[in-house]
């Protein structure tokens, strides 16, 4: 198996303009995310973007960047174009999609996403973390993974929802928006039209489940901070200030 890490990044953010280039303790946020991916020491890292300034910021620190079209409907479509440009010979067969607005993601979390892909039956992998607060349990912005346990810290995902689920006693799991893909699975996924449950829940991964693809989840210790607002950016600066 030969993995590659891809970080999709685009400038179109209504709540935090020019988000990938926002200053994070002296460097653009996209560079901080790239550093976390490099620290995973797992695979080559590429940033896939539609903006020359983002590509220039990555290349300025010695990183790899590839330009993609500006009109992709999702990050999955962007990384599919990116890998097609980077690797037309299809040498890379495992793709790890690290979101470009997760500057505090732990390298251990990135490495954990790779593990389920060693199973020949798994198409997609993703991390989850146990929910410990009522705010998280009840927030529609917190996506919950419903899965059947396969081993300690490993699940086969049956559904993802913004509702508080499953019902009854037991832990709930916060889904974290990183994905590991078998390359063949991504190629299949981008050819499928958005599905009914995907459109209803506004969760792209439901398209894969609705079409019979297997997603395994692995439990990790952290929920990385997603930067969507100025307040999130200030919190990220605080968390990374001691690095």
C-alpha atoms as a PDB file:
ATOM      1  CA  UNK A   1       0.000   0.000   0.000  1.00  0.00           C
ATOM      2  CA  UNK A   2       1.234   3.476  -0.864  1.00  0.00           C
ATOM      3  CA  UNK A   3      -0.537   6.425   0.824  1.00  0.00           C
ATOM      4  CA  UNK A   4      -0.564  10.138   0.084  1.00  0.00           C
ATOM      5  CA  UNK A   5      -2.017  12.953   2.194  1.00  0.00           C
ATOM      6  CA  UNK A   6      -4.096  15.601   0.411  1.00  0.00           C
ATOM      7  CA  UNK A   7      -5.266  18.861   1.989  1.00  0.00           C
ATOM      8  CA  UNK A   8      -8.015  20.665   0.037  1.00  0.00           C
ATOM      9  CA  UNK A   9      -8.048  24.433   0.562  1.00  0.00           C
ATOM     10  CA  UNK A  10     -10.050  27.211  -1.047  1.00  0.00           C
ATOM     11  CA  UNK A  11     -10.609  30.872  -0.251  1.00  0.00           C
ATOM     12  CA  UNK A  12     -14.415  30.924  -0.371  1.00  0.00           C
ATOM     13  CA  UNK A  13     -15.439  31.322   3.281  1.00  0.00           C
ATOM     14  CA  UNK A  14     -18.248  33.674   4.222  1.00  0.00           C
ATOM     15  CA  UNK A  15     -17.646  33.715   7.984  1.00  0.00           C
ATOM     16  CA  UNK A  16     -13.848  34.090   7.895  1.00  0.00           C
ATOM     17  CA  UNK A  17     -12.661  35.692   4.638  1.00  0.00           C
ATOM     18  CA  UNK A  18      -9.364  34.396   3.202  1.00  0.00           C
ATOM     19  CA  UNK A  19      -9.387  31.700   5.879  1.00  0.00           C
ATOM     20  CA  UNK A  20      -6.500  29.520   4.615  1.00  0.00           C
ATOM     21  CA  UNK A  21      -4.154  32.522   4.690  1.00  0.00           C
ATOM     22  CA  UNK A  22      -5.321  33.836   8.077  1.00  0.00           C
ATOM     23  CA  UNK A  23      -2.357  34.561  10.336  1.00  0.00           C
ATOM     24  CA  UNK A  24      -1.784  31.827  12.899  1.00  0.00           C
ATOM     25  CA  UNK A  25       1.088  32.838  15.144  1.00  0.00           C
ATOM     26  CA  UNK A  26       3.152  34.190  12.282  1.00  0.00           C
ATOM     27  CA  UNK A  27       2.270  31.822   9.455  1.00  0.00           C
ATOM     28  CA  UNK A  28      -0.785  31.153   7.260  1.00  0.00           C
ATOM     29  CA  UNK A  29      -3.261  28.664   8.721  1.00  0.00           C
ATOM     30  CA  UNK A  30      -2.885  26.331   5.732  1.00  0.00           C
ATOM     31  CA  UNK A  31       0.828  26.064   6.519  1.00  0.00           C
ATOM     32  CA  UNK A  32       0.006  25.056  10.107  1.00  0.00           C
ATOM     33  CA  UNK A  33      -2.252  22.273   8.788  1.00  0.00           C
ATOM     34  CA  UNK A  34       0.470  21.188   6.358  1.00  0.00           C
ATOM     35  CA  UNK A  35       2.925  21.007   9.275  1.00  0.00           C
ATOM     36  CA  UNK A  36       0.584  18.731  11.270  1.00  0.00           C
ATOM     37  CA  UNK A  37       0.286  16.432   8.244  1.00  0.00           C
ATOM     38  CA  UNK A  38       4.055  16.384   7.775  1.00  0.00           C
ATOM     39  CA  UNK A  39       4.517  15.567  11.468  1.00  0.00           C
ATOM     40  CA  UNK A  40       2.429  12.423  10.966  1.00  0.00           C
ATOM     41  CA  UNK A  41       5.462  11.122   9.057  1.00  0.00           C
ATOM     42  CA  UNK A  42       3.219   8.824   7.075  1.00  0.00           C
ATOM     43  CA  UNK A  43       3.196   9.856   3.432  1.00  0.00           C
ATOM     44  CA  UNK A  44       3.924  12.668   0.972  1.00  0.00           C
ATOM     45  CA  UNK A  45       1.714  15.718   1.598  1.00  0.00           C
ATOM     46  CA  UNK A  46       0.083  17.852  -1.089  1.00  0.00           C
ATOM     47  CA  UNK A  47      -2.190  20.887  -0.770  1.00  0.00           C
ATOM     48  CA  UNK A  48      -4.907  21.002  -3.438  1.00  0.00           C
ATOM     49  CA  UNK A  49      -6.160  24.525  -4.054  1.00  0.00           C
ATOM     50  CA  UNK A  50      -7.811  26.826  -6.552  1.00  0.00           C
ATOM     51  CA  UNK A  51      -5.883  29.893  -5.344  1.00  0.00           C
ATOM     52  CA  UNK A  52      -2.352  30.815  -6.374  1.00  0.00           C
ATOM     53  CA  UNK A  53      -1.631  32.578  -3.062  1.00  0.00           C
ATOM     54  CA  UNK A  54      -2.332  29.365  -1.129  1.00  0.00           C
ATOM     55  CA  UNK A  55      -0.055  27.360  -3.408  1.00  0.00           C
ATOM     56  CA  UNK A  56       2.673  29.998  -3.044  1.00  0.00           C
ATOM     57  CA  UNK A  57       2.400  29.909   0.772  1.00  0.00           C
ATOM     58  CA  UNK A  58       2.941  26.147   0.788  1.00  0.00           C
ATOM     59  CA  UNK A  59       5.773  26.209  -1.716  1.00  0.00           C
ATOM     60  CA  UNK A  60       7.478  28.958   0.302  1.00  0.00           C
ATOM     61  CA  UNK A  61       7.978  26.503   3.178  1.00  0.00           C
ATOM     62  CA  UNK A  62       9.119  23.695   0.887  1.00  0.00           C
ATOM     63  CA  UNK A  63       5.764  21.965   0.511  1.00  0.00           C
ATOM     64  CA  UNK A  64       3.937  20.575  -2.512  1.00  0.00           C
ATOM     65  CA  UNK A  65       0.841  22.219  -3.969  1.00  0.00           C
ATOM     66  CA  UNK A  66      -1.325  21.417  -6.980  1.00  0.00           C
ATOM     67  CA  UNK A  67      -3.799  23.752  -8.652  1.00  0.00           C
ATOM     68  CA  UNK A  68      -7.376  22.535  -9.132  1.00  0.00           C
ATOM     69  CA  UNK A  69     -10.548  23.962 -10.637  1.00  0.00           C
ATOM     70  CA  UNK A  70     -12.458  26.541  -8.567  1.00  0.00           C
ATOM     71  CA  UNK A  71     -15.944  25.074  -8.987  1.00  0.00           C
ATOM     72  CA  UNK A  72     -15.740  21.741  -7.175  1.00  0.00           C
ATOM     73  CA  UNK A  73     -18.858  21.008  -5.080  1.00  0.00           C
ATOM     74  CA  UNK A  74     -16.859  19.292  -2.321  1.00  0.00           C
ATOM     75  CA  UNK A  75     -13.407  18.570  -0.976  1.00  0.00           C
ATOM     76  CA  UNK A  76     -13.719  14.979  -2.211  1.00  0.00           C
ATOM     77  CA  UNK A  77     -14.081  16.197  -5.781  1.00  0.00           C
ATOM     78  CA  UNK A  78     -11.099  18.509  -5.315  1.00  0.00           C
ATOM     79  CA  UNK A  79      -8.812  15.750  -4.048  1.00  0.00           C
ATOM     80  CA  UNK A  80      -9.935  13.481  -6.883  1.00  0.00           C
ATOM     81  CA  UNK A  81      -8.827  16.073  -9.426  1.00  0.00           C
ATOM     82  CA  UNK A  82      -5.646  16.634  -7.434  1.00  0.00           C
ATOM     83  CA  UNK A  83      -4.613  12.988  -7.327  1.00  0.00           C
ATOM     84  CA  UNK A  84      -5.425  12.617 -11.023  1.00  0.00           C
ATOM     85  CA  UNK A  85      -2.994  15.468 -11.745  1.00  0.00           C
ATOM     86  CA  UNK A  86      -0.308  14.421  -9.261  1.00  0.00           C
ATOM     87  CA  UNK A  87      -0.353  10.723  -9.996  1.00  0.00           C
ATOM     88  CA  UNK A  88      -1.884   9.777 -13.354  1.00  0.00           C
ATOM     89  CA  UNK A  89      -0.004   6.458 -13.246  1.00  0.00           C
ATOM     90  CA  UNK A  90      -1.964   5.526 -10.076  1.00  0.00           C
ATOM     91  CA  UNK A  91       1.029   4.650  -7.927  1.00  0.00           C
ATOM     92  CA  UNK A  92      -0.728   5.980  -4.822  1.00  0.00           C
ATOM     93  CA  UNK A  93      -3.602   3.700  -3.801  1.00  0.00           C
ATOM     94  CA  UNK A  94      -4.532   5.194  -0.397  1.00  0.00           C
ATOM     95  CA  UNK A  95      -5.585   8.834  -0.047  1.00  0.00           C
ATOM     96  CA  UNK A  96      -5.911  10.668   3.268  1.00  0.00           C
ATOM     97  CA  UNK A  97      -8.043  13.808   3.078  1.00  0.00           C
ATOM     98  CA  UNK A  98      -7.102  16.252   5.853  1.00  0.00           C
ATOM     99  CA  UNK A  99      -9.346  19.315   5.996  1.00  0.00           C
ATOM    100  CA  UNK A 100      -7.528  22.608   5.513  1.00  0.00           C
ATOM    101  CA  UNK A 101      -9.184  24.299   8.502  1.00  0.00           C
ATOM    102  CA  UNK A 102      -7.963  21.892  11.223  1.00  0.00           C
ATOM    103  CA  UNK A 103      -4.679  23.476  12.356  1.00  0.00           C
ATOM    104  CA  UNK A 104      -4.704  21.715  15.749  1.00  0.00           C
ATOM    105  CA  UNK A 105      -5.189  18.183  14.400  1.00  0.00           C
ATOM    106  CA  UNK A 106      -2.820  15.759  16.093  1.00  0.00           C
ATOM    107  CA  UNK A 107      -0.422  13.769  13.908  1.00  0.00           C
ATOM    108  CA  UNK A 108      -1.602  10.694  15.837  1.00  0.00           C
ATOM    109  CA  UNK A 109      -5.131  11.254  14.560  1.00  0.00           C
ATOM    110  CA  UNK A 110      -3.917  11.381  10.969  1.00  0.00           C
ATOM    111  CA  UNK A 111      -1.975   8.155  11.466  1.00  0.00           C
ATOM    112  CA  UNK A 112      -4.984   6.464  13.068  1.00  0.00           C
ATOM    113  CA  UNK A 113      -7.119   7.064   9.957  1.00  0.00           C
ATOM    114  CA  UNK A 114      -4.689   4.990   7.924  1.00  0.00           C
ATOM    115  CA  UNK A 115      -5.083   1.825  10.015  1.00  0.00           C
ATOM    116  CA  UNK A 116      -8.572   0.634   8.892  1.00  0.00           C
ATOM    117  CA  UNK A 117      -7.515   0.908   5.246  1.00  0.00           C
ATOM    118  CA  UNK A 118      -5.230  -2.073   5.763  1.00  0.00           C
ATOM    119  CA  UNK A 119      -8.437  -4.173   5.747  1.00  0.00           C
ATOM    120  CA  UNK A 120      -9.211  -5.239   2.175  1.00  0.00           C
ATOM    121  CA  UNK A 121     -12.974  -4.890   2.782  1.00  0.00           C
ATOM    122  CA  UNK A 122     -12.829  -1.253   3.948  1.00  0.00           C
ATOM    123  CA  UNK A 123     -13.469   1.476   1.371  1.00  0.00           C
ATOM    124  CA  UNK A 124     -13.250   4.564   3.585  1.00  0.00           C
ATOM    125  CA  UNK A 125     -11.930   5.273   7.090  1.00  0.00           C
ATOM    126  CA  UNK A 126     -12.593   8.168   9.438  1.00  0.00           C
ATOM    127  CA  UNK A 127     -11.901   9.129  13.082  1.00  0.00           C
ATOM    128  CA  UNK A 128     -14.386   9.608  15.914  1.00  0.00           C
ATOM    129  CA  UNK A 129     -14.079  10.721  19.535  1.00  0.00           C
ATOM    130  CA  UNK A 130     -16.365   9.925  22.444  1.00  0.00           C
ATOM    131  CA  UNK A 131     -18.764  12.713  23.424  1.00  0.00           C
ATOM    132  CA  UNK A 132     -18.568  13.825  27.054  1.00  0.00           C
ATOM    133  CA  UNK A 133     -20.773  16.941  27.202  1.00  0.00           C
ATOM    134  CA  UNK A 134     -24.500  17.549  26.796  1.00  0.00           C
ATOM    135  CA  UNK A 135     -23.738  20.485  24.487  1.00  0.00           C
ATOM    136  CA  UNK A 136     -22.013  18.138  22.050  1.00  0.00           C
ATOM    137  CA  UNK A 137     -24.678  15.465  22.429  1.00  0.00           C
ATOM    138  CA  UNK A 138     -27.446  17.865  21.433  1.00  0.00           C
ATOM    139  CA  UNK A 139     -25.741  20.160  18.894  1.00  0.00           C
ATOM    140  CA  UNK A 140     -26.744  19.638  15.266  1.00  0.00           C
ATOM    141  CA  UNK A 141     -23.321  20.962  14.271  1.00  0.00           C
ATOM    142  CA  UNK A 142     -21.757  17.900  15.930  1.00  0.00           C
ATOM    143  CA  UNK A 143     -22.137  14.921  13.613  1.00  0.00           C
ATOM    144  CA  UNK A 144     -22.611  11.585  15.380  1.00  0.00           C
ATOM    145  CA  UNK A 145     -21.390   8.259  14.101  1.00  0.00           C
ATOM    146  CA  UNK A 146     -23.641   5.267  14.678  1.00  0.00           C
ATOM    147  CA  UNK A 147     -21.647   2.093  14.338  1.00  0.00           C
ATOM    148  CA  UNK A 148     -21.273  -1.488  15.412  1.00  0.00           C
ATOM    149  CA  UNK A 149     -18.115  -2.296  17.395  1.00  0.00           C
ATOM    150  CA  UNK A 150     -15.581  -4.528  15.667  1.00  0.00           C
ATOM    151  CA  UNK A 151     -12.763  -4.287  18.220  1.00  0.00           C
ATOM    152  CA  UNK A 152     -11.769  -1.851  20.971  1.00  0.00           C
ATOM    153  CA  UNK A 153     -11.776   1.591  19.364  1.00  0.00           C
ATOM    154  CA  UNK A 154     -12.865   0.304  15.947  1.00  0.00           C
ATOM    155  CA  UNK A 155     -16.349   0.423  14.411  1.00  0.00           C
ATOM    156  CA  UNK A 156     -18.145  -0.322  11.205  1.00  0.00           C
ATOM    157  CA  UNK A 157     -20.164   2.818  10.522  1.00  0.00           C
ATOM    158  CA  UNK A 158     -23.858   2.242   9.869  1.00  0.00           C
ATOM    159  CA  UNK A 159     -25.012   5.868   9.745  1.00  0.00           C
ATOM    160  CA  UNK A 160     -24.005   9.459  10.443  1.00  0.00           C
ATOM    161  CA  UNK A 161     -26.493  12.017  11.729  1.00  0.00           C
ATOM    162  CA  UNK A 162     -26.837  15.498  13.167  1.00  0.00           C
ATOM    163  CA  UNK A 163     -29.458  14.166  15.595  1.00  0.00           C
ATOM    164  CA  UNK A 164     -28.652  12.852  19.071  1.00  0.00           C
ATOM    165  CA  UNK A 165     -28.279   9.155  18.346  1.00  0.00           C
ATOM    166  CA  UNK A 166     -28.315   6.267  18.969  1.00  0.00           C
ATOM    167  CA  UNK A 167     -31.000   6.150  21.633  1.00  0.00           C
ATOM    168  CA  UNK A 168     -30.492   4.505  25.019  1.00  0.00           C
ATOM    169  CA  UNK A 169     -27.614   3.973  27.401  1.00  0.00           C
ATOM    170  CA  UNK A 170     -24.077   3.994  26.093  1.00  0.00           C
ATOM    171  CA  UNK A 171     -21.503   6.298  24.543  1.00  0.00           C
ATOM    172  CA  UNK A 172     -22.083   8.634  21.609  1.00  0.00           C
ATOM    173  CA  UNK A 173     -19.328   9.400  19.121  1.00  0.00           C
ATOM    174  CA  UNK A 174     -18.395  12.743  17.565  1.00  0.00           C
ATOM    175  CA  UNK A 175     -17.426  12.319  13.923  1.00  0.00           C
ATOM    176  CA  UNK A 176     -14.268  14.160  12.858  1.00  0.00           C
ATOM    177  CA  UNK A 177     -14.111  15.270   9.236  1.00  0.00           C
ATOM    178  CA  UNK A 178     -10.976  13.489   8.063  1.00  0.00           C
ATOM    179  CA  UNK A 179     -11.212  10.642   5.572  1.00  0.00           C
ATOM    180  CA  UNK A 180      -9.004   7.877   4.342  1.00  0.00           C
ATOM    181  CA  UNK A 181      -9.951   6.539   0.912  1.00  0.00           C
ATOM    182  CA  UNK A 182      -9.047   3.535  -1.120  1.00  0.00           C
ATOM    183  CA  UNK A 183      -8.358   5.199  -4.446  1.00  0.00           C
ATOM    184  CA  UNK A 184     -10.842   2.967  -6.268  1.00  0.00           C
ATOM    185  CA  UNK A 185     -13.528   3.945  -3.760  1.00  0.00           C
ATOM    186  CA  UNK A 186     -12.949   7.663  -4.355  1.00  0.00           C
ATOM    187  CA  UNK A 187     -13.078   7.141  -8.118  1.00  0.00           C
ATOM    188  CA  UNK A 188     -16.442   5.418  -7.707  1.00  0.00           C
ATOM    189  CA  UNK A 189     -17.755   7.993  -5.214  1.00  0.00           C
ATOM    190  CA  UNK A 190     -17.226  11.064  -7.388  1.00  0.00           C
ATOM    191  CA  UNK A 191     -19.207   9.452 -10.219  1.00  0.00           C
ATOM    192  CA  UNK A 192     -22.311   9.025  -8.020  1.00  0.00           C
ATOM    193  CA  UNK A 193     -24.935  11.771  -7.800  1.00  0.00           C
ATOM    194  CA  UNK A 194     -25.690  13.234  -4.341  1.00  0.00           C
ATOM    195  CA  UNK A 195     -28.039  10.877  -2.501  1.00  0.00           C
ATOM    196  CA  UNK A 196     -31.333  11.624  -0.697  1.00  0.00           C
ATOM    197  CA  UNK A 197     -30.015  11.176   2.850  1.00  0.00           C
ATOM    198  CA  UNK A 198     -26.840  13.088   1.999  1.00  0.00           C
ATOM    199  CA  UNK A 199     -28.940  16.029   0.868  1.00  0.00           C
ATOM    200  CA  UNK A 200     -31.287  15.815   3.844  1.00  0.00           C
ATOM    201  CA  UNK A 201     -28.588  15.603   6.547  1.00  0.00           C
ATOM    202  CA  UNK A 202     -26.040  17.676   4.575  1.00  0.00           C
ATOM    203  CA  UNK A 203     -23.481  14.906   5.126  1.00  0.00           C
ATOM    204  CA  UNK A 204     -21.486  13.795   2.116  1.00  0.00           C
ATOM    205  CA  UNK A 205     -20.403  10.467   3.627  1.00  0.00           C
ATOM    206  CA  UNK A 206     -23.998   9.215   3.545  1.00  0.00           C
ATOM    207  CA  UNK A 207     -23.700   8.980  -0.243  1.00  0.00           C
ATOM    208  CA  UNK A 208     -21.092   6.270   0.240  1.00  0.00           C
ATOM    209  CA  UNK A 209     -23.203   4.350   2.744  1.00  0.00           C
ATOM    210  CA  UNK A 210     -26.329   4.602   0.597  1.00  0.00           C
ATOM    211  CA  UNK A 211     -24.420   2.976  -2.248  1.00  0.00           C
ATOM    212  CA  UNK A 212     -23.079   0.082  -0.222  1.00  0.00           C
ATOM    213  CA  UNK A 213     -19.569   1.331   0.485  1.00  0.00           C
ATOM    214  CA  UNK A 214     -17.983   0.317   3.776  1.00  0.00           C
ATOM    215  CA  UNK A 215     -16.810   3.021   6.171  1.00  0.00           C
ATOM    216  CA  UNK A 216     -14.868   2.005   9.279  1.00  0.00           C
ATOM    217  CA  UNK A 217     -14.334   4.444  12.136  1.00  0.00           C
ATOM    218  CA  UNK A 218     -11.434   4.500  14.573  1.00  0.00           C
ATOM    219  CA  UNK A 219     -11.624   6.146  17.985  1.00  0.00           C
ATOM    220  CA  UNK A 220      -9.103   8.876  18.791  1.00  0.00           C
ATOM    221  CA  UNK A 221      -8.476  10.973  21.882  1.00  0.00           C
ATOM    222  CA  UNK A 222      -9.127  14.447  20.481  1.00  0.00           C
ATOM    223  CA  UNK A 223     -11.573  16.522  18.489  1.00  0.00           C
ATOM    224  CA  UNK A 224      -9.416  18.982  16.536  1.00  0.00           C
ATOM    225  CA  UNK A 225     -10.574  22.573  16.432  1.00  0.00           C
ATOM    226  CA  UNK A 226     -12.219  23.510  13.165  1.00  0.00           C
ATOM    227  CA  UNK A 227     -11.600  27.170  12.340  1.00  0.00           C
ATOM    228  CA  UNK A 228     -14.714  28.816  10.887  1.00  0.00           C
ATOM    229  CA  UNK A 229     -14.875  32.158  12.705  1.00  0.00           C
ATOM    230  CA  UNK A 230     -12.556  34.817  14.111  1.00  0.00           C
ATOM    231  CA  UNK A 231     -13.187  33.410  17.590  1.00  0.00           C
ATOM    232  CA  UNK A 232     -12.074  29.965  16.392  1.00  0.00           C
ATOM    233  CA  UNK A 233      -8.932  31.526  14.950  1.00  0.00           C
ATOM    234  CA  UNK A 234      -8.135  33.192  18.267  1.00  0.00           C
ATOM    235  CA  UNK A 235      -8.605  29.857  20.053  1.00  0.00           C
ATOM    236  CA  UNK A 236      -6.309  28.125  17.561  1.00  0.00           C
ATOM    237  CA  UNK A 237      -3.675  30.792  18.193  1.00  0.00           C
ATOM    238  CA  UNK A 238      -3.983  30.146  21.918  1.00  0.00           C
ATOM    239  CA  UNK A 239      -3.713  26.350  21.564  1.00  0.00           C
ATOM    240  CA  UNK A 240      -0.726  26.481  19.251  1.00  0.00           C
ATOM    241  CA  UNK A 241       1.030  29.308  21.002  1.00  0.00           C
ATOM    242  CA  UNK A 242       3.226  26.969  23.003  1.00  0.00           C
ATOM    243  CA  UNK A 243       4.394  24.848  20.093  1.00  0.00           C
END
